[in-house]
Amino acid sequence: MSKPRKCKVCGDEYQPFNSIQKVCGPKCAIELVKQDNAKKLAKDQKIKEKLERHDLKRRRKALKRNSEYLSEAQTDCNKYIRLRDINEPCPSCGKFDHEIPDIFVGGKWDAGHFKSRGAYPELRFNENNIHKQCKSCNGGSGKFSHKEKTVSEAYRINLIKKIGIDKVEWLEGPHEPQKWTIEDLEEIRQYYKDKFKELSDV
């Protein structure tokens, strides 16, 4: 004689006839089948929706241009640079955060390239070439300590103080052209996402 069990549907206690019986009687057996079918349908629907999302993501990825991957990787790189340099002044005008008016759309700070991405595309992800820079200076209208210096000249002066003349001269020197594949850009983007998260958690 098997021990009494609780019905999987109604919860009443019953005496099972065999070891695989789960419910107390025919009525609950029919209800259990309905519940199992509903669960299976729900599971199948989730699988279908997941496959549809995966297919949509795949098709969107196939339509994306290399320039879009490049832009996304640069966005995450720049986000990391602004966090890395959060307590540093602008390398061009020398101003700190509290000295800059909060009048700019998207915040006060950019990630400014010492050697521009247009002229030196191979250095677009070089961390020695990118530093937190106020929007005014990155836009070309800043002044260095109110002296007759261009933004780029001022950037160079402060960058030498920050990373050393050797590294600055290397940035200014000739470089091999660099082309990134989509796979490269996805890896670069994830690399900076991870670096940002790691620094955020400190």
N, C-alpha and C. Protein backbone atom coordinates (compact mmCIF):
# COMPACT_ATOMS: atom_id res chain seq x y z
N MET A 1 0.86 -1.19 0.00
CA MET A 1 0.00 0.00 0.00
C MET A 1 0.89 1.24 0.00
N SER A 2 0.68 2.11 -1.02
CA SER A 2 1.46 3.34 -1.10
C SER A 2 0.99 4.33 -0.05
N LYS A 3 1.90 5.25 0.32
CA LYS A 3 1.55 6.28 1.29
C LYS A 3 0.60 7.29 0.64
N PRO A 4 -0.27 7.90 1.41
CA PRO A 4 -1.17 8.93 0.87
C PRO A 4 -0.36 10.09 0.28
N ARG A 5 -0.91 10.71 -0.76
CA ARG A 5 -0.26 11.85 -1.41
C ARG A 5 -1.23 13.02 -1.51
N LYS A 6 -0.66 14.19 -1.84
CA LYS A 6 -1.50 15.37 -2.10
C LYS A 6 -1.68 15.50 -3.60
N CYS A 7 -2.89 15.73 -4.01
CA CYS A 7 -3.21 15.89 -5.42
C CYS A 7 -2.50 17.11 -5.99
N LYS A 8 -1.88 16.97 -7.17
CA LYS A 8 -1.15 18.05 -7.82
C LYS A 8 -2.06 19.20 -8.26
N VAL A 9 -3.37 18.91 -8.35
CA VAL A 9 -4.30 19.94 -8.83
C VAL A 9 -5.07 20.58 -7.68
N CYS A 10 -5.85 19.74 -6.95
CA CYS A 10 -6.72 20.31 -5.92
C CYS A 10 -6.08 20.36 -4.53
N GLY A 11 -5.02 19.58 -4.35
CA GLY A 11 -4.33 19.58 -3.06
C GLY A 11 -4.90 18.64 -2.03
N ASP A 12 -5.99 17.95 -2.38
CA ASP A 12 -6.58 17.00 -1.43
C ASP A 12 -5.68 15.77 -1.30
N GLU A 13 -5.76 15.14 -0.15
CA GLU A 13 -4.99 13.93 0.08
C GLU A 13 -5.75 12.74 -0.50
N TYR A 14 -5.01 11.85 -1.15
CA TYR A 14 -5.65 10.66 -1.74
C TYR A 14 -4.72 9.47 -1.62
N GLN A 15 -5.30 8.28 -1.82
CA GLN A 15 -4.54 7.04 -1.77
C GLN A 15 -4.23 6.61 -3.21
N PRO A 16 -2.95 6.71 -3.67
CA PRO A 16 -2.62 6.37 -5.06
C PRO A 16 -2.73 4.87 -5.33
N PHE A 17 -3.11 4.55 -6.59
CA PHE A 17 -3.19 3.15 -7.01
C PHE A 17 -1.84 2.64 -7.48
N ASN A 18 -0.97 3.55 -7.95
CA ASN A 18 0.37 3.16 -8.39
C ASN A 18 1.35 4.31 -8.15
N SER A 19 2.62 4.06 -8.44
CA SER A 19 3.68 5.01 -8.09
C SER A 19 3.71 6.24 -8.99
N ILE A 20 3.04 6.19 -10.17
CA ILE A 20 3.11 7.33 -11.08
C ILE A 20 1.86 8.20 -11.02
N GLN A 21 0.91 7.84 -10.20
CA GLN A 21 -0.32 8.63 -10.09
C GLN A 21 -0.03 9.97 -9.44
N LYS A 22 -0.51 11.07 -10.04
CA LYS A 22 -0.22 12.41 -9.55
C LYS A 22 -1.45 13.15 -9.01
N VAL A 23 -2.63 12.65 -9.38
CA VAL A 23 -3.86 13.35 -8.98
C VAL A 23 -4.83 12.38 -8.33
N CYS A 24 -5.86 12.98 -7.74
CA CYS A 24 -6.77 12.15 -6.94
C CYS A 24 -7.82 11.42 -7.77
N GLY A 25 -8.12 11.94 -8.97
CA GLY A 25 -9.16 11.30 -9.76
C GLY A 25 -9.23 11.83 -11.17
N PRO A 26 -10.22 11.36 -11.97
CA PRO A 26 -10.35 11.74 -13.38
C PRO A 26 -10.49 13.24 -13.61
N LYS A 27 -11.28 13.92 -12.78
CA LYS A 27 -11.50 15.35 -12.96
C LYS A 27 -10.19 16.12 -12.85
N CYS A 28 -9.42 15.80 -11.86
CA CYS A 28 -8.14 16.47 -11.67
C CYS A 28 -7.12 16.03 -12.72
N ALA A 29 -7.27 14.79 -13.20
CA ALA A 29 -6.38 14.30 -14.25
C ALA A 29 -6.56 15.12 -15.52
N ILE A 30 -7.84 15.42 -15.86
CA ILE A 30 -8.12 16.23 -17.04
C ILE A 30 -7.56 17.64 -16.86
N GLU A 31 -7.73 18.19 -15.66
CA GLU A 31 -7.22 19.54 -15.37
C GLU A 31 -5.70 19.58 -15.44
N LEU A 32 -5.06 18.51 -14.96
CA LEU A 32 -3.60 18.45 -15.00
C LEU A 32 -3.09 18.43 -16.43
N VAL A 33 -3.79 17.71 -17.30
CA VAL A 33 -3.42 17.67 -18.72
C VAL A 33 -3.54 19.07 -19.33
N LYS A 34 -4.64 19.78 -18.97
CA LYS A 34 -4.83 21.14 -19.47
C LYS A 34 -3.68 22.06 -19.00
N GLN A 35 -3.31 21.93 -17.72
CA GLN A 35 -2.23 22.75 -17.17
C GLN A 35 -0.90 22.46 -17.86
N ASP A 36 -0.65 21.15 -18.06
CA ASP A 36 0.60 20.76 -18.72
C ASP A 36 0.65 21.29 -20.16
N ASN A 37 -0.49 21.21 -20.84
CA ASN A 37 -0.55 21.71 -22.21
C ASN A 37 -0.33 23.22 -22.25
N ALA A 38 -0.92 23.92 -21.28
CA ALA A 38 -0.76 25.38 -21.21
C ALA A 38 0.71 25.75 -20.96
N LYS A 39 1.36 25.00 -20.07
CA LYS A 39 2.78 25.25 -19.80
C LYS A 39 3.63 25.00 -21.03
N LYS A 40 3.29 23.93 -21.75
CA LYS A 40 4.04 23.59 -22.97
C LYS A 40 3.86 24.67 -24.03
N LEU A 41 2.61 25.15 -24.16
CA LEU A 41 2.35 26.21 -25.13
C LEU A 41 3.12 27.49 -24.77
N ALA A 42 3.13 27.79 -23.47
CA ALA A 42 3.84 28.99 -23.01
C ALA A 42 5.34 28.86 -23.26
N LYS A 43 5.87 27.66 -23.00
CA LYS A 43 7.29 27.41 -23.23
C LYS A 43 7.62 27.50 -24.72
N ASP A 44 6.75 26.91 -25.55
CA ASP A 44 6.95 26.96 -27.00
C ASP A 44 6.90 28.40 -27.51
N GLN A 45 6.00 29.20 -26.91
CA GLN A 45 5.88 30.59 -27.32
C GLN A 45 7.14 31.38 -26.97
N LYS A 46 7.68 31.11 -25.78
CA LYS A 46 8.92 31.78 -25.37
C LYS A 46 10.07 31.43 -26.29
N ILE A 47 10.15 30.15 -26.66
CA ILE A 47 11.20 29.70 -27.57
C ILE A 47 11.03 30.38 -28.94
N LYS A 48 9.78 30.45 -29.39
CA LYS A 48 9.50 31.09 -30.68
C LYS A 48 9.90 32.57 -30.65
N GLU A 49 9.53 33.26 -29.57
CA GLU A 49 9.86 34.69 -29.45
C GLU A 49 11.37 34.90 -29.37
N LYS A 50 12.06 34.00 -28.68
CA LYS A 50 13.51 34.09 -28.58
C LYS A 50 14.17 33.91 -29.94
N LEU A 51 13.67 32.93 -30.71
CA LEU A 51 14.21 32.69 -32.04
C LEU A 51 13.93 33.87 -32.97
N GLU A 52 12.74 34.46 -32.81
CA GLU A 52 12.39 35.63 -33.63
C GLU A 52 13.29 36.81 -33.29
N ARG A 53 13.56 37.01 -31.99
CA ARG A 53 14.46 38.10 -31.59
C ARG A 53 15.86 37.87 -32.12
N HIS A 54 16.30 36.62 -32.04
CA HIS A 54 17.64 36.28 -32.53
C HIS A 54 17.73 36.51 -34.04
N ASP A 55 16.66 36.13 -34.76
CA ASP A 55 16.65 36.31 -36.21
C ASP A 55 16.63 37.79 -36.57
N LEU A 56 15.85 38.58 -35.80
CA LEU A 56 15.78 40.02 -36.05
C LEU A 56 17.13 40.68 -35.80
N LYS A 57 17.79 40.26 -34.70
CA LYS A 57 19.11 40.79 -34.38
C LYS A 57 20.11 40.43 -35.48
N ARG A 58 20.01 39.19 -35.98
CA ARG A 58 20.92 38.75 -37.05
C ARG A 58 20.71 39.57 -38.32
N ARG A 59 19.43 39.80 -38.65
CA ARG A 59 19.13 40.55 -39.88
C ARG A 59 19.54 42.02 -39.75
N ARG A 60 19.33 42.58 -38.56
CA ARG A 60 19.77 43.96 -38.33
C ARG A 60 21.28 44.07 -38.43
N LYS A 61 21.96 43.08 -37.86
CA LYS A 61 23.42 43.07 -37.90
C LYS A 61 23.93 42.99 -39.33
N ALA A 62 23.23 42.20 -40.15
CA ALA A 62 23.63 42.04 -41.54
C ALA A 62 23.47 43.35 -42.32
N LEU A 63 22.53 44.20 -41.87
CA LEU A 63 22.28 45.47 -42.56
C LEU A 63 23.18 46.60 -42.08
N LYS A 64 23.81 46.43 -40.92
CA LYS A 64 24.65 47.49 -40.38
C LYS A 64 25.92 47.67 -41.21
N ARG A 65 26.28 48.91 -41.40
CA ARG A 65 27.51 49.22 -42.13
C ARG A 65 28.68 49.25 -41.18
N ASN A 66 29.88 49.12 -41.74
CA ASN A 66 31.09 49.16 -40.94
C ASN A 66 31.17 50.46 -40.14
N SER A 67 30.71 51.55 -40.74
CA SER A 67 30.77 52.86 -40.08
C SER A 67 29.94 52.89 -38.81
N GLU A 68 28.84 52.13 -38.79
CA GLU A 68 28.00 52.08 -37.60
C GLU A 68 28.71 51.35 -36.46
N TYR A 69 29.39 50.26 -36.80
CA TYR A 69 30.18 49.54 -35.79
C TYR A 69 31.30 50.43 -35.27
N LEU A 70 31.91 51.19 -36.17
CA LEU A 70 33.00 52.09 -35.79
C LEU A 70 32.50 53.15 -34.83
N SER A 71 31.33 53.72 -35.14
CA SER A 71 30.74 54.75 -34.29
C SER A 71 30.38 54.21 -32.91
N GLU A 72 29.84 53.00 -32.87
CA GLU A 72 29.46 52.40 -31.58
C GLU A 72 30.69 52.12 -30.73
N ALA A 73 31.75 51.61 -31.36
CA ALA A 73 32.99 51.33 -30.63
C ALA A 73 33.59 52.63 -30.10
N GLN A 74 33.55 53.69 -30.92
CA GLN A 74 34.09 54.97 -30.50
C GLN A 74 33.30 55.56 -29.34
N THR A 75 31.99 55.40 -29.38
CA THR A 75 31.13 55.90 -28.30
C THR A 75 31.50 55.28 -26.96
N ASP A 76 31.71 53.95 -26.95
CA ASP A 76 32.06 53.28 -25.69
C ASP A 76 33.49 53.60 -25.27
N CYS A 77 34.37 53.78 -26.23
CA CYS A 77 35.74 54.19 -25.92
C CYS A 77 35.72 55.57 -25.27
N ASN A 78 34.99 56.51 -25.86
CA ASN A 78 34.93 57.87 -25.33
C ASN A 78 34.30 57.92 -23.94
N LYS A 79 33.29 57.08 -23.75
CA LYS A 79 32.63 57.01 -22.44
C LYS A 79 33.63 56.59 -21.36
N TYR A 80 34.47 55.61 -21.69
CA TYR A 80 35.49 55.16 -20.75
C TYR A 80 36.51 56.27 -20.47
N ILE A 81 36.94 56.98 -21.52
CA ILE A 81 37.95 58.04 -21.37
C ILE A 81 37.44 59.14 -20.44
N ARG A 82 36.18 59.53 -20.60
CA ARG A 82 35.63 60.59 -19.75
C ARG A 82 35.58 60.15 -18.29
N LEU A 83 35.32 58.87 -18.06
CA LEU A 83 35.32 58.36 -16.68
C LEU A 83 36.75 58.25 -16.16
N ARG A 84 37.67 57.79 -17.00
CA ARG A 84 39.07 57.67 -16.59
C ARG A 84 39.64 59.01 -16.14
N ASP A 85 39.27 60.07 -16.84
CA ASP A 85 39.83 61.40 -16.58
C ASP A 85 38.89 62.28 -15.78
N ILE A 86 37.95 61.68 -15.06
CA ILE A 86 36.88 62.44 -14.43
C ILE A 86 37.37 63.56 -13.52
N ASN A 87 38.50 63.38 -12.87
CA ASN A 87 39.00 64.39 -11.93
C ASN A 87 40.07 65.29 -12.53
N GLU A 88 40.33 65.16 -13.81
CA GLU A 88 41.39 65.93 -14.45
C GLU A 88 40.84 67.15 -15.16
N PRO A 89 41.69 68.18 -15.34
CA PRO A 89 41.24 69.37 -16.07
C PRO A 89 41.28 69.14 -17.58
N CYS A 90 40.70 70.06 -18.31
CA CYS A 90 40.78 70.02 -19.77
C CYS A 90 42.24 70.17 -20.18
N PRO A 91 42.76 69.36 -21.07
CA PRO A 91 44.17 69.44 -21.46
C PRO A 91 44.48 70.68 -22.31
N SER A 92 43.47 71.40 -22.73
CA SER A 92 43.71 72.59 -23.54
C SER A 92 43.61 73.88 -22.73
N CYS A 93 42.46 74.12 -22.10
CA CYS A 93 42.29 75.36 -21.34
C CYS A 93 42.71 75.24 -19.88
N GLY A 94 42.88 74.01 -19.40
CA GLY A 94 43.32 73.79 -18.03
C GLY A 94 42.23 73.93 -16.99
N LYS A 95 41.00 74.10 -17.43
CA LYS A 95 39.90 74.30 -16.48
C LYS A 95 39.38 72.97 -15.94
N PHE A 96 38.97 73.02 -14.66
CA PHE A 96 38.35 71.86 -14.04
C PHE A 96 36.83 71.96 -14.20
N ASP A 97 36.16 70.91 -13.81
CA ASP A 97 34.71 70.82 -14.01
C ASP A 97 33.97 72.01 -13.41
N HIS A 98 34.34 72.41 -12.18
CA HIS A 98 33.61 73.49 -11.51
C HIS A 98 33.85 74.85 -12.15
N GLU A 99 34.84 74.96 -13.02
CA GLU A 99 35.15 76.23 -13.67
C GLU A 99 34.45 76.39 -15.02
N ILE A 100 33.76 75.34 -15.45
CA ILE A 100 33.13 75.37 -16.77
C ILE A 100 31.61 75.47 -16.60
N PRO A 101 30.99 76.46 -17.24
CA PRO A 101 29.52 76.61 -17.11
C PRO A 101 28.79 75.42 -17.72
N ASP A 102 27.70 75.07 -17.08
CA ASP A 102 26.92 73.92 -17.52
C ASP A 102 25.88 74.38 -18.55
N ILE A 103 26.36 74.74 -19.73
CA ILE A 103 25.48 75.31 -20.75
C ILE A 103 25.46 74.48 -22.04
N PHE A 104 26.16 73.34 -22.02
CA PHE A 104 26.31 72.56 -23.24
C PHE A 104 25.32 71.41 -23.30
N VAL A 105 24.78 71.18 -24.47
CA VAL A 105 23.91 70.02 -24.68
C VAL A 105 24.75 68.75 -24.60
N GLY A 106 24.31 67.80 -23.79
CA GLY A 106 25.06 66.55 -23.65
C GLY A 106 26.18 66.61 -22.64
N GLY A 107 26.22 67.68 -21.81
CA GLY A 107 27.24 67.76 -20.79
C GLY A 107 28.40 68.67 -21.18
N LYS A 108 29.31 68.87 -20.23
CA LYS A 108 30.42 69.80 -20.42
C LYS A 108 31.60 69.18 -21.17
N TRP A 109 31.69 67.85 -21.14
CA TRP A 109 32.93 67.20 -21.56
C TRP A 109 32.77 66.28 -22.76
N ASP A 110 33.81 66.29 -23.58
CA ASP A 110 33.95 65.34 -24.68
C ASP A 110 35.18 64.47 -24.39
N ALA A 111 35.40 63.49 -25.25
CA ALA A 111 36.67 62.77 -25.27
C ALA A 111 37.40 63.31 -26.50
N GLY A 112 38.36 64.20 -26.26
CA GLY A 112 39.02 64.89 -27.36
C GLY A 112 40.28 64.18 -27.82
N HIS A 113 40.41 64.02 -29.12
CA HIS A 113 41.61 63.39 -29.69
C HIS A 113 42.69 64.44 -29.92
N PHE A 114 43.88 64.17 -29.41
CA PHE A 114 45.02 65.06 -29.66
C PHE A 114 45.32 65.13 -31.15
N LYS A 115 45.50 63.99 -31.76
CA LYS A 115 45.61 63.92 -33.22
C LYS A 115 44.25 63.46 -33.73
N SER A 116 43.65 64.25 -34.57
CA SER A 116 42.26 64.04 -34.95
C SER A 116 42.03 62.70 -35.65
N ARG A 117 40.80 62.21 -35.53
CA ARG A 117 40.42 60.96 -36.18
C ARG A 117 40.46 61.08 -37.69
N GLY A 118 40.20 62.28 -38.19
CA GLY A 118 40.23 62.47 -39.63
C GLY A 118 41.64 62.37 -40.20
N ALA A 119 42.59 63.01 -39.51
CA ALA A 119 43.98 63.01 -40.00
C ALA A 119 44.74 61.76 -39.58
N TYR A 120 44.37 61.23 -38.42
CA TYR A 120 45.08 60.05 -37.88
C TYR A 120 44.06 58.99 -37.47
N PRO A 121 43.35 58.41 -38.42
CA PRO A 121 42.31 57.43 -38.07
C PRO A 121 42.87 56.21 -37.35
N GLU A 122 44.14 55.91 -37.57
CA GLU A 122 44.75 54.75 -36.91
C GLU A 122 44.91 54.95 -35.41
N LEU A 123 44.77 56.20 -34.93
CA LEU A 123 44.93 56.50 -33.51
C LEU A 123 43.60 56.73 -32.81
N ARG A 124 42.49 56.43 -33.47
CA ARG A 124 41.19 56.76 -32.90
C ARG A 124 40.92 56.03 -31.59
N PHE A 125 41.52 54.85 -31.38
CA PHE A 125 41.32 54.11 -30.13
C PHE A 125 42.57 54.07 -29.25
N ASN A 126 43.57 54.86 -29.59
CA ASN A 126 44.79 54.91 -28.79
C ASN A 126 44.54 55.76 -27.55
N GLU A 127 44.65 55.18 -26.38
CA GLU A 127 44.26 55.87 -25.15
C GLU A 127 45.19 57.02 -24.79
N ASN A 128 46.42 57.01 -25.30
CA ASN A 128 47.31 58.16 -25.08
C ASN A 128 46.89 59.35 -25.95
N ASN A 129 46.12 59.07 -26.97
CA ASN A 129 45.69 60.11 -27.90
C ASN A 129 44.33 60.71 -27.55
N ILE A 130 43.66 60.13 -26.56
CA ILE A 130 42.31 60.60 -26.21
C ILE A 130 42.26 60.98 -24.73
N HIS A 131 41.74 62.17 -24.48
CA HIS A 131 41.64 62.66 -23.10
C HIS A 131 40.38 63.48 -22.94
N LYS A 132 39.88 63.49 -21.72
CA LYS A 132 38.68 64.29 -21.44
C LYS A 132 38.99 65.75 -21.75
N GLN A 133 38.13 66.36 -22.58
CA GLN A 133 38.35 67.72 -23.03
C GLN A 133 37.02 68.48 -23.00
N CYS A 134 37.05 69.72 -22.57
CA CYS A 134 35.79 70.47 -22.50
C CYS A 134 35.25 70.69 -23.91
N LYS A 135 33.93 70.81 -24.00
CA LYS A 135 33.29 70.94 -25.31
C LYS A 135 33.76 72.18 -26.06
N SER A 136 34.03 73.25 -25.33
CA SER A 136 34.49 74.48 -25.98
C SER A 136 35.82 74.27 -26.69
N CYS A 137 36.76 73.64 -25.99
CA CYS A 137 38.08 73.40 -26.59
C CYS A 137 38.01 72.34 -27.69
N ASN A 138 37.22 71.31 -27.46
CA ASN A 138 37.11 70.27 -28.48
C ASN A 138 36.46 70.81 -29.75
N GLY A 139 35.65 71.85 -29.57
CA GLY A 139 35.03 72.49 -30.72
C GLY A 139 35.94 73.52 -31.39
N GLY A 140 37.10 73.80 -30.76
CA GLY A 140 38.08 74.69 -31.37
C GLY A 140 38.03 76.13 -30.92
N SER A 141 37.18 76.45 -29.94
CA SER A 141 37.04 77.85 -29.55
C SER A 141 37.65 78.19 -28.20
N GLY A 142 38.31 77.23 -27.56
CA GLY A 142 38.87 77.47 -26.24
C GLY A 142 40.16 78.27 -26.27
N LYS A 143 40.54 78.80 -25.13
CA LYS A 143 41.81 79.52 -24.97
C LYS A 143 42.60 78.90 -23.83
N PHE A 144 43.92 78.84 -24.00
CA PHE A 144 44.79 78.23 -23.00
C PHE A 144 45.29 79.28 -22.04
N SER A 145 44.75 79.27 -20.83
CA SER A 145 45.17 80.18 -19.77
C SER A 145 45.21 81.63 -20.24
N HIS A 146 44.30 81.97 -21.16
CA HIS A 146 44.16 83.34 -21.68
C HIS A 146 45.40 83.81 -22.42
N LYS A 147 46.24 82.90 -22.89
CA LYS A 147 47.42 83.27 -23.65
C LYS A 147 47.16 83.04 -25.14
N GLU A 148 48.07 83.53 -25.95
CA GLU A 148 47.91 83.38 -27.40
C GLU A 148 48.37 81.99 -27.83
N LYS A 149 47.56 81.02 -27.52
CA LYS A 149 47.85 79.64 -27.91
C LYS A 149 46.63 79.06 -28.59
N THR A 150 46.84 78.27 -29.61
CA THR A 150 45.70 77.57 -30.20
C THR A 150 45.33 76.40 -29.30
N VAL A 151 44.15 75.87 -29.50
CA VAL A 151 43.70 74.73 -28.70
C VAL A 151 44.64 73.55 -28.85
N SER A 152 45.08 73.26 -30.07
CA SER A 152 45.96 72.12 -30.30
C SER A 152 47.34 72.34 -29.69
N GLU A 153 47.84 73.59 -29.74
CA GLU A 153 49.14 73.89 -29.12
C GLU A 153 49.06 73.72 -27.60
N ALA A 154 47.97 74.20 -27.04
CA ALA A 154 47.77 74.06 -25.60
C ALA A 154 47.63 72.60 -25.20
N TYR A 155 46.90 71.86 -26.01
CA TYR A 155 46.72 70.42 -25.76
C TYR A 155 48.10 69.75 -25.71
N ARG A 156 48.94 70.08 -26.65
CA ARG A 156 50.27 69.45 -26.72
C ARG A 156 51.10 69.76 -25.48
N ILE A 157 51.07 71.01 -25.04
CA ILE A 157 51.84 71.42 -23.85
C ILE A 157 51.44 70.60 -22.64
N ASN A 158 50.14 70.51 -22.41
CA ASN A 158 49.66 69.78 -21.23
C ASN A 158 49.79 68.28 -21.38
N LEU A 159 49.71 67.82 -22.62
CA LEU A 159 49.84 66.37 -22.84
C LEU A 159 51.27 65.92 -22.57
N ILE A 160 52.22 66.73 -22.90
CA ILE A 160 53.63 66.41 -22.59
C ILE A 160 53.80 66.27 -21.09
N LYS A 161 53.16 67.17 -20.34
CA LYS A 161 53.23 67.09 -18.88
C LYS A 161 52.58 65.82 -18.35
N LYS A 162 51.54 65.39 -19.05
CA LYS A 162 50.77 64.23 -18.58
C LYS A 162 51.41 62.90 -18.95
N ILE A 163 51.83 62.72 -20.20
CA ILE A 163 52.31 61.40 -20.64
C ILE A 163 53.77 61.40 -21.08
N GLY A 164 54.39 62.58 -21.18
CA GLY A 164 55.81 62.63 -21.54
C GLY A 164 56.03 62.94 -23.02
N ILE A 165 57.13 63.59 -23.30
CA ILE A 165 57.45 64.02 -24.66
C ILE A 165 57.61 62.84 -25.62
N ASP A 166 58.18 61.73 -25.14
CA ASP A 166 58.40 60.58 -26.03
C ASP A 166 57.09 60.05 -26.60
N LYS A 167 56.08 59.93 -25.74
CA LYS A 167 54.80 59.40 -26.20
C LYS A 167 54.09 60.39 -27.11
N VAL A 168 54.24 61.67 -26.80
CA VAL A 168 53.62 62.69 -27.65
C VAL A 168 54.25 62.69 -29.04
N GLU A 169 55.57 62.61 -29.08
CA GLU A 169 56.26 62.59 -30.38
C GLU A 169 55.93 61.32 -31.15
N TRP A 170 55.72 60.23 -30.42
CA TRP A 170 55.30 59.00 -31.12
C TRP A 170 53.93 59.20 -31.76
N LEU A 171 53.01 59.84 -31.03
CA LEU A 171 51.68 60.11 -31.57
C LEU A 171 51.78 60.98 -32.82
N GLU A 172 52.73 61.87 -32.84
CA GLU A 172 52.88 62.80 -33.96
C GLU A 172 53.61 62.17 -35.16
N GLY A 173 54.26 61.05 -34.92
CA GLY A 173 55.05 60.42 -35.97
C GLY A 173 54.18 59.66 -36.95
N PRO A 174 54.79 59.14 -38.00
CA PRO A 174 54.03 58.35 -38.99
C PRO A 174 53.59 57.02 -38.39
N HIS A 175 52.46 56.51 -38.87
CA HIS A 175 51.92 55.25 -38.38
C HIS A 175 51.41 54.42 -39.55
N GLU A 176 51.40 53.13 -39.33
CA GLU A 176 50.84 52.23 -40.34
C GLU A 176 49.33 52.42 -40.41
N PRO A 177 48.77 52.41 -41.61
CA PRO A 177 47.31 52.49 -41.72
C PRO A 177 46.64 51.35 -40.96
N GLN A 178 45.48 51.62 -40.42
CA GLN A 178 44.78 50.61 -39.62
C GLN A 178 43.37 50.43 -40.16
N LYS A 179 43.01 49.20 -40.44
CA LYS A 179 41.64 48.89 -40.84
C LYS A 179 41.07 47.86 -39.87
N TRP A 180 39.88 48.14 -39.41
CA TRP A 180 39.24 47.24 -38.46
C TRP A 180 38.09 46.48 -39.13
N THR A 181 38.05 45.20 -38.88
CA THR A 181 36.92 44.40 -39.35
C THR A 181 35.75 44.59 -38.39
N ILE A 182 34.58 44.13 -38.78
CA ILE A 182 33.42 44.20 -37.89
C ILE A 182 33.70 43.44 -36.60
N GLU A 183 34.37 42.30 -36.72
CA GLU A 183 34.71 41.51 -35.53
C GLU A 183 35.66 42.30 -34.62
N ASP A 184 36.62 43.00 -35.22
CA ASP A 184 37.55 43.83 -34.45
C ASP A 184 36.78 44.89 -33.67
N LEU A 185 35.86 45.56 -34.34
CA LEU A 185 35.12 46.66 -33.73
C LEU A 185 34.18 46.18 -32.64
N GLU A 186 33.62 44.99 -32.81
CA GLU A 186 32.79 44.42 -31.75
C GLU A 186 33.63 44.10 -30.52
N GLU A 187 34.84 43.58 -30.75
CA GLU A 187 35.74 43.29 -29.64
C GLU A 187 36.19 44.57 -28.94
N ILE A 188 36.49 45.61 -29.72
CA ILE A 188 36.90 46.89 -29.15
C ILE A 188 35.78 47.48 -28.30
N ARG A 189 34.57 47.42 -28.84
CA ARG A 189 33.43 47.96 -28.09
C ARG A 189 33.24 47.23 -26.77
N GLN A 190 33.31 45.90 -26.79
CA GLN A 190 33.15 45.13 -25.57
C GLN A 190 34.29 45.39 -24.59
N TYR A 191 35.49 45.57 -25.12
CA TYR A 191 36.66 45.87 -24.30
C TYR A 191 36.43 47.14 -23.49
N TYR A 192 35.90 48.19 -24.13
CA TYR A 192 35.68 49.45 -23.43
C TYR A 192 34.45 49.40 -22.54
N LYS A 193 33.48 48.61 -22.90
CA LYS A 193 32.35 48.40 -21.99
C LYS A 193 32.83 47.77 -20.68
N ASP A 194 33.71 46.76 -20.82
CA ASP A 194 34.24 46.07 -19.64
C ASP A 194 35.13 47.01 -18.81
N LYS A 195 35.95 47.82 -19.48
CA LYS A 195 36.82 48.75 -18.77
C LYS A 195 36.01 49.80 -18.03
N PHE A 196 34.94 50.27 -18.66
CA PHE A 196 34.08 51.26 -18.02
C PHE A 196 33.43 50.67 -16.77
N LYS A 197 32.92 49.45 -16.90
CA LYS A 197 32.27 48.79 -15.76
C LYS A 197 33.27 48.55 -14.63
N GLU A 198 34.45 48.10 -15.00
CA GLU A 198 35.48 47.84 -13.99
C GLU A 198 35.83 49.10 -13.23
N LEU A 199 35.97 50.22 -13.95
CA LEU A 199 36.31 51.50 -13.30
C LEU A 199 35.14 52.05 -12.51
N SER A 200 33.93 51.80 -12.99
CA SER A 200 32.72 52.27 -12.28
C SER A 200 32.57 51.56 -10.94
N ASP A 201 33.01 50.31 -10.88
CA ASP A 201 32.84 49.50 -9.66
C ASP A 201 33.89 49.78 -8.61
N VAL A 202 34.90 50.56 -8.96
CA VAL A 202 35.99 50.84 -8.01
C VAL A 202 35.49 51.74 -6.89
